[in-house]
Amino acid sequence: MQIDPIKEQERLRLNREYFEEGCACILKNKTLQPCPTNMPDLKAVEFYEKHCSCSRNYVTS
């Protein structure tokens, strides 16, 4: 099964936006900083999934 690259890029963009607009680690607790805008969405999403510790993180540890 192949992943449509356009759909995957859109998924990553939306996941990044999801974290950056609602992550308490970024907005309230200040334990994370938003990733630089020039960072690829894939890397930013991977970073947020690994380091976000609030309820916004959908990845179970």
PDB file of N, CA and C in Angstrom:
ATOM      1  N   MET A   1       0.839  -1.183   0.000  1.00  0.00           N
ATOM      2  CA  MET A   1       0.000   0.000   0.000  1.00  0.00           C
ATOM      3  C   MET A   1       0.881   1.244   0.000  1.00  0.00           C
ATOM      4  N   GLN A   2       0.692   2.080  -0.985  1.00  0.00           N
ATOM      5  CA  GLN A   2       1.492   3.297  -1.066  1.00  0.00           C
ATOM      6  C   GLN A   2       0.739   4.473  -0.466  1.00  0.00           C
ATOM      7  N   ILE A   3       1.494   5.357   0.147  1.00  0.00           N
ATOM      8  CA  ILE A   3       0.933   6.561   0.741  1.00  0.00           C
ATOM      9  C   ILE A   3       0.995   7.672  -0.297  1.00  0.00           C
ATOM     10  N   ASP A   4      -0.121   8.354  -0.480  1.00  0.00           N
ATOM     11  CA  ASP A   4      -0.172   9.492  -1.392  1.00  0.00           C
ATOM     12  C   ASP A   4       0.660  10.622  -0.778  1.00  0.00           C
ATOM     13  N   PRO A   5       1.729  11.062  -1.445  1.00  0.00           N
ATOM     14  CA  PRO A   5       2.607  12.087  -0.863  1.00  0.00           C
ATOM     15  C   PRO A   5       1.891  13.399  -0.565  1.00  0.00           C
ATOM     16  N   ILE A   6       0.928  13.759  -1.375  1.00  0.00           N
ATOM     17  CA  ILE A   6       0.207  15.015  -1.130  1.00  0.00           C
ATOM     18  C   ILE A   6      -0.653  14.892   0.123  1.00  0.00           C
ATOM     19  N   LYS A   7      -1.328  13.769   0.287  1.00  0.00           N
ATOM     20  CA  LYS A   7      -2.153  13.551   1.485  1.00  0.00           C
ATOM     21  C   LYS A   7      -1.277  13.461   2.732  1.00  0.00           C
ATOM     22  N   GLU A   8      -0.122  12.835   2.602  1.00  0.00           N
ATOM     23  CA  GLU A   8       0.786  12.713   3.742  1.00  0.00           C
ATOM     24  C   GLU A   8       1.317  14.087   4.157  1.00  0.00           C
ATOM     25  N   GLN A   9       1.657  14.923   3.196  1.00  0.00           N
ATOM     26  CA  GLN A   9       2.146  16.271   3.498  1.00  0.00           C
ATOM     27  C   GLN A   9       1.050  17.089   4.182  1.00  0.00           C
ATOM     28  N   GLU A  10      -0.176  16.935   3.723  1.00  0.00           N
ATOM     29  CA  GLU A  10      -1.304  17.648   4.336  1.00  0.00           C
ATOM     30  C   GLU A  10      -1.532  17.146   5.758  1.00  0.00           C
ATOM     31  N   ARG A  11      -1.432  15.840   5.979  1.00  0.00           N
ATOM     32  CA  ARG A  11      -1.575  15.273   7.316  1.00  0.00           C
ATOM     33  C   ARG A  11      -0.526  15.844   8.266  1.00  0.00           C
ATOM     34  N   LEU A  12       0.709  15.902   7.791  1.00  0.00           N
ATOM     35  CA  LEU A  12       1.785  16.438   8.621  1.00  0.00           C
ATOM     36  C   LEU A  12       1.567  17.916   8.929  1.00  0.00           C
ATOM     37  N   ARG A  13       1.133  18.671   7.935  1.00  0.00           N
ATOM     38  CA  ARG A  13       0.873  20.103   8.142  1.00  0.00           C
ATOM     39  C   ARG A  13      -0.224  20.291   9.199  1.00  0.00           C
ATOM     40  N   LEU A  14      -1.279  19.498   9.088  1.00  0.00           N
ATOM     41  CA  LEU A  14      -2.377  19.605  10.051  1.00  0.00           C
ATOM     42  C   LEU A  14      -1.967  19.154  11.449  1.00  0.00           C
ATOM     43  N   ASN A  15      -1.164  18.100  11.543  1.00  0.00           N
ATOM     44  CA  ASN A  15      -0.692  17.646  12.856  1.00  0.00           C
ATOM     45  C   ASN A  15       0.207  18.687  13.498  1.00  0.00           C
ATOM     46  N   ARG A  16       1.059  19.322  12.717  1.00  0.00           N
ATOM     47  CA  ARG A  16       1.920  20.384  13.248  1.00  0.00           C
ATOM     48  C   ARG A  16       1.059  21.536  13.765  1.00  0.00           C
ATOM     49  N   GLU A  17       0.085  21.928  12.967  1.00  0.00           N
ATOM     50  CA  GLU A  17      -0.822  23.003  13.364  1.00  0.00           C
ATOM     51  C   GLU A  17      -1.575  22.622  14.640  1.00  0.00           C
ATOM     52  N   TYR A  18      -2.001  21.375  14.740  1.00  0.00           N
ATOM     53  CA  TYR A  18      -2.705  20.864  15.912  1.00  0.00           C
ATOM     54  C   TYR A  18      -1.871  21.082  17.174  1.00  0.00           C
ATOM     55  N   PHE A  19      -0.597  20.726  17.130  1.00  0.00           N
ATOM     56  CA  PHE A  19       0.280  20.921  18.285  1.00  0.00           C
ATOM     57  C   PHE A  19       0.519  22.403  18.550  1.00  0.00           C
ATOM     58  N   GLU A  20       0.873  23.150  17.529  1.00  0.00           N
ATOM     59  CA  GLU A  20       1.291  24.536  17.726  1.00  0.00           C
ATOM     60  C   GLU A  20       0.153  25.453  18.152  1.00  0.00           C
ATOM     61  N   GLU A  21      -1.088  25.075  17.847  1.00  0.00           N
ATOM     62  CA  GLU A  21      -2.218  25.923  18.223  1.00  0.00           C
ATOM     63  C   GLU A  21      -2.899  25.503  19.525  1.00  0.00           C
ATOM     64  N   GLY A  22      -2.516  24.341  20.085  1.00  0.00           N
ATOM     65  CA  GLY A  22      -3.220  23.916  21.288  1.00  0.00           C
ATOM     66  C   GLY A  22      -2.416  23.179  22.327  1.00  0.00           C
ATOM     67  N   CYS A  23      -1.132  23.001  22.104  1.00  0.00           N
ATOM     68  CA  CYS A  23      -0.311  22.249  23.048  1.00  0.00           C
ATOM     69  C   CYS A  23      -0.029  23.087  24.299  1.00  0.00           C
ATOM     70  N   ALA A  24      -0.449  22.572  25.453  1.00  0.00           N
ATOM     71  CA  ALA A  24      -0.209  23.280  26.712  1.00  0.00           C
ATOM     72  C   ALA A  24       1.285  23.369  27.018  1.00  0.00           C
ATOM     73  N   CYS A  25       2.054  22.427  26.524  1.00  0.00           N
ATOM     74  CA  CYS A  25       3.507  22.464  26.742  1.00  0.00           C
ATOM     75  C   CYS A  25       4.120  23.709  26.088  1.00  0.00           C
ATOM     76  N   ILE A  26       3.540  24.152  24.998  1.00  0.00           N
ATOM     77  CA  ILE A  26       4.024  25.343  24.291  1.00  0.00           C
ATOM     78  C   ILE A  26       3.332  26.595  24.825  1.00  0.00           C
ATOM     79  N   LEU A  27       2.003  26.549  24.913  1.00  0.00           N
ATOM     80  CA  LEU A  27       1.223  27.755  25.185  1.00  0.00           C
ATOM     81  C   LEU A  27       1.115  28.120  26.658  1.00  0.00           C
ATOM     82  N   LYS A  28       1.058  27.139  27.543  1.00  0.00           N
ATOM     83  CA  LYS A  28       0.823  27.424  28.957  1.00  0.00           C
ATOM     84  C   LYS A  28       2.045  27.134  29.822  1.00  0.00           C
ATOM     85  N   ASN A  29       2.524  25.905  29.754  1.00  0.00           N
ATOM     86  CA  ASN A  29       3.615  25.481  30.626  1.00  0.00           C
ATOM     87  C   ASN A  29       4.975  26.005  30.186  1.00  0.00           C
ATOM     88  N   LYS A  30       5.099  26.324  28.911  1.00  0.00           N
ATOM     89  CA  LYS A  30       6.349  26.832  28.326  1.00  0.00           C
ATOM     90  C   LYS A  30       7.506  25.846  28.449  1.00  0.00           C
ATOM     91  N   THR A  31       7.171  24.541  28.491  1.00  0.00           N
ATOM     92  CA  THR A  31       8.229  23.530  28.548  1.00  0.00           C
ATOM     93  C   THR A  31       8.742  23.179  27.155  1.00  0.00           C
ATOM     94  N   LEU A  32       7.994  23.573  26.121  1.00  0.00           N
ATOM     95  CA  LEU A  32       8.422  23.412  24.727  1.00  0.00           C
ATOM     96  C   LEU A  32       8.312  24.740  24.018  1.00  0.00           C
ATOM     97  N   GLN A  33       9.156  24.942  23.042  1.00  0.00           N
ATOM     98  CA  GLN A  33       9.077  26.095  22.163  1.00  0.00           C
ATOM     99  C   GLN A  33       8.552  25.615  20.813  1.00  0.00           C
ATOM    100  N   PRO A  34       7.815  26.441  20.095  1.00  0.00           N
ATOM    101  CA  PRO A  34       7.404  26.037  18.751  1.00  0.00           C
ATOM    102  C   PRO A  34       8.639  25.776  17.889  1.00  0.00           C
ATOM    103  N   CYS A  35       8.530  24.798  17.022  1.00  0.00           N
ATOM    104  CA  CYS A  35       9.635  24.508  16.105  1.00  0.00           C
ATOM    105  C   CYS A  35       9.784  25.670  15.120  1.00  0.00           C
ATOM    106  N   PRO A  36      10.994  25.900  14.638  1.00  0.00           N
ATOM    107  CA  PRO A  36      11.205  26.979  13.661  1.00  0.00           C
ATOM    108  C   PRO A  36      10.342  26.762  12.419  1.00  0.00           C
ATOM    109  N   THR A  37       9.886  27.847  11.839  1.00  0.00           N
ATOM    110  CA  THR A  37       9.011  27.749  10.672  1.00  0.00           C
ATOM    111  C   THR A  37       9.705  27.115   9.476  1.00  0.00           C
ATOM    112  N   ASN A  38      11.028  27.169   9.439  1.00  0.00           N
ATOM    113  CA  ASN A  38      11.746  26.565   8.311  1.00  0.00           C
ATOM    114  C   ASN A  38      12.036  25.075   8.526  1.00  0.00           C
ATOM    115  N   MET A  39      11.630  24.533   9.667  1.00  0.00           N
ATOM    116  CA  MET A  39      11.800  23.100   9.922  1.00  0.00           C
ATOM    117  C   MET A  39      10.724  22.347   9.147  1.00  0.00           C
ATOM    118  N   PRO A  40      11.084  21.281   8.464  1.00  0.00           N
ATOM    119  CA  PRO A  40      10.072  20.496   7.744  1.00  0.00           C
ATOM    120  C   PRO A  40       8.994  19.972   8.694  1.00  0.00           C
ATOM    121  N   ASP A  41       7.764  19.900   8.195  1.00  0.00           N
ATOM    122  CA  ASP A  41       6.647  19.436   9.019  1.00  0.00           C
ATOM    123  C   ASP A  41       6.909  18.059   9.613  1.00  0.00           C
ATOM    124  N   LEU A  42       7.508  17.165   8.843  1.00  0.00           N
ATOM    125  CA  LEU A  42       7.796  15.820   9.338  1.00  0.00           C
ATOM    126  C   LEU A  42       8.648  15.882  10.602  1.00  0.00           C
ATOM    127  N   LYS A  43       9.718  16.658  10.572  1.00  0.00           N
ATOM    128  CA  LYS A  43      10.615  16.758  11.730  1.00  0.00           C
ATOM    129  C   LYS A  43       9.916  17.429  12.910  1.00  0.00           C
ATOM    130  N   ALA A  44       9.116  18.451  12.634  1.00  0.00           N
ATOM    131  CA  ALA A  44       8.404  19.145  13.710  1.00  0.00           C
ATOM    132  C   ALA A  44       7.398  18.212  14.385  1.00  0.00           C
ATOM    133  N   VAL A  45       6.646  17.474  13.580  1.00  0.00           N
ATOM    134  CA  VAL A  45       5.655  16.549  14.136  1.00  0.00           C
ATOM    135  C   VAL A  45       6.346  15.456  14.945  1.00  0.00           C
ATOM    136  N   GLU A  46       7.422  14.929  14.426  1.00  0.00           N
ATOM    137  CA  GLU A  46       8.173  13.909  15.179  1.00  0.00           C
ATOM    138  C   GLU A  46       8.647  14.469  16.519  1.00  0.00           C
ATOM    139  N   PHE A  47       9.135  15.704  16.518  1.00  0.00           N
ATOM    140  CA  PHE A  47       9.597  16.342  17.750  1.00  0.00           C
ATOM    141  C   PHE A  47       8.442  16.496  18.744  1.00  0.00           C
ATOM    142  N   TYR A  48       7.319  17.033  18.277  1.00  0.00           N
ATOM    143  CA  TYR A  48       6.175  17.225  19.169  1.00  0.00           C
ATOM    144  C   TYR A  48       5.659  15.892  19.701  1.00  0.00           C
ATOM    145  N   GLU A  49       5.571  14.881  18.854  1.00  0.00           N
ATOM    146  CA  GLU A  49       5.107  13.574  19.304  1.00  0.00           C
ATOM    147  C   GLU A  49       6.024  12.992  20.372  1.00  0.00           C
ATOM    148  N   LYS A  50       7.297  13.251  20.266  1.00  0.00           N
ATOM    149  CA  LYS A  50       8.268  12.705  21.221  1.00  0.00           C
ATOM    150  C   LYS A  50       8.319  13.495  22.526  1.00  0.00           C
ATOM    151  N   HIS A  51       8.146  14.822  22.461  1.00  0.00           N
ATOM    152  CA  HIS A  51       8.409  15.667  23.629  1.00  0.00           C
ATOM    153  C   HIS A  51       7.180  16.265  24.295  1.00  0.00           C
ATOM    154  N   CYS A  52       6.049  16.273  23.632  1.00  0.00           N
ATOM    155  CA  CYS A  52       4.832  16.835  24.238  1.00  0.00           C
ATOM    156  C   CYS A  52       4.346  15.895  25.332  1.00  0.00           C
ATOM    157  N   SER A  53       4.068  16.442  26.504  1.00  0.00           N
ATOM    158  CA  SER A  53       3.606  15.607  27.615  1.00  0.00           C
ATOM    159  C   SER A  53       2.196  15.981  28.079  1.00  0.00           C
ATOM    160  N   CYS A  54       1.519  16.838  27.332  1.00  0.00           N
ATOM    161  CA  CYS A  54       0.158  17.215  27.720  1.00  0.00           C
ATOM    162  C   CYS A  54      -0.861  16.324  27.005  1.00  0.00           C
ATOM    163  N   SER A  55      -2.113  16.573  27.250  1.00  0.00           N
ATOM    164  CA  SER A  55      -3.179  15.749  26.677  1.00  0.00           C
ATOM    165  C   SER A  55      -3.301  15.912  25.160  1.00  0.00           C
ATOM    166  N   ARG A  56      -2.601  16.866  24.595  1.00  0.00           N
ATOM    167  CA  ARG A  56      -2.650  17.095  23.148  1.00  0.00           C
ATOM    168  C   ARG A  56      -1.926  15.969  22.392  1.00  0.00           C
ATOM    169  N   ASN A  57      -1.023  15.285  23.061  1.00  0.00           N
ATOM    170  CA  ASN A  57      -0.232  14.245  22.387  1.00  0.00           C
ATOM    171  C   ASN A  57      -1.062  12.976  22.221  1.00  0.00           C
ATOM    172  N   TYR A  58      -1.250  12.572  20.994  1.00  0.00           N
ATOM    173  CA  TYR A  58      -2.031  11.383  20.655  1.00  0.00           C
ATOM    174  C   TYR A  58      -1.194  10.124  20.608  1.00  0.00           C
ATOM    175  N   VAL A  59       0.119  10.234  20.814  1.00  0.00           N
ATOM    176  CA  VAL A  59       1.008   9.071  20.795  1.00  0.00           C
ATOM    177  C   VAL A  59       1.128   8.549  22.226  1.00  0.00           C
ATOM    178  N   THR A  60       0.842   7.266  22.396  1.00  0.00           N
ATOM    179  CA  THR A  60       0.959   6.680  23.726  1.00  0.00           C
ATOM    180  C   THR A  60       2.397   6.221  23.948  1.00  0.00           C
ATOM    181  N   SER A  61       2.880   6.462  25.149  1.00  0.00           N
ATOM    182  CA  SER A  61       4.273   6.105  25.437  1.00  0.00           C
ATOM    183  C   SER A  61       4.417   4.741  26.041  1.00  0.00           C
TER     184      SER A  61
END
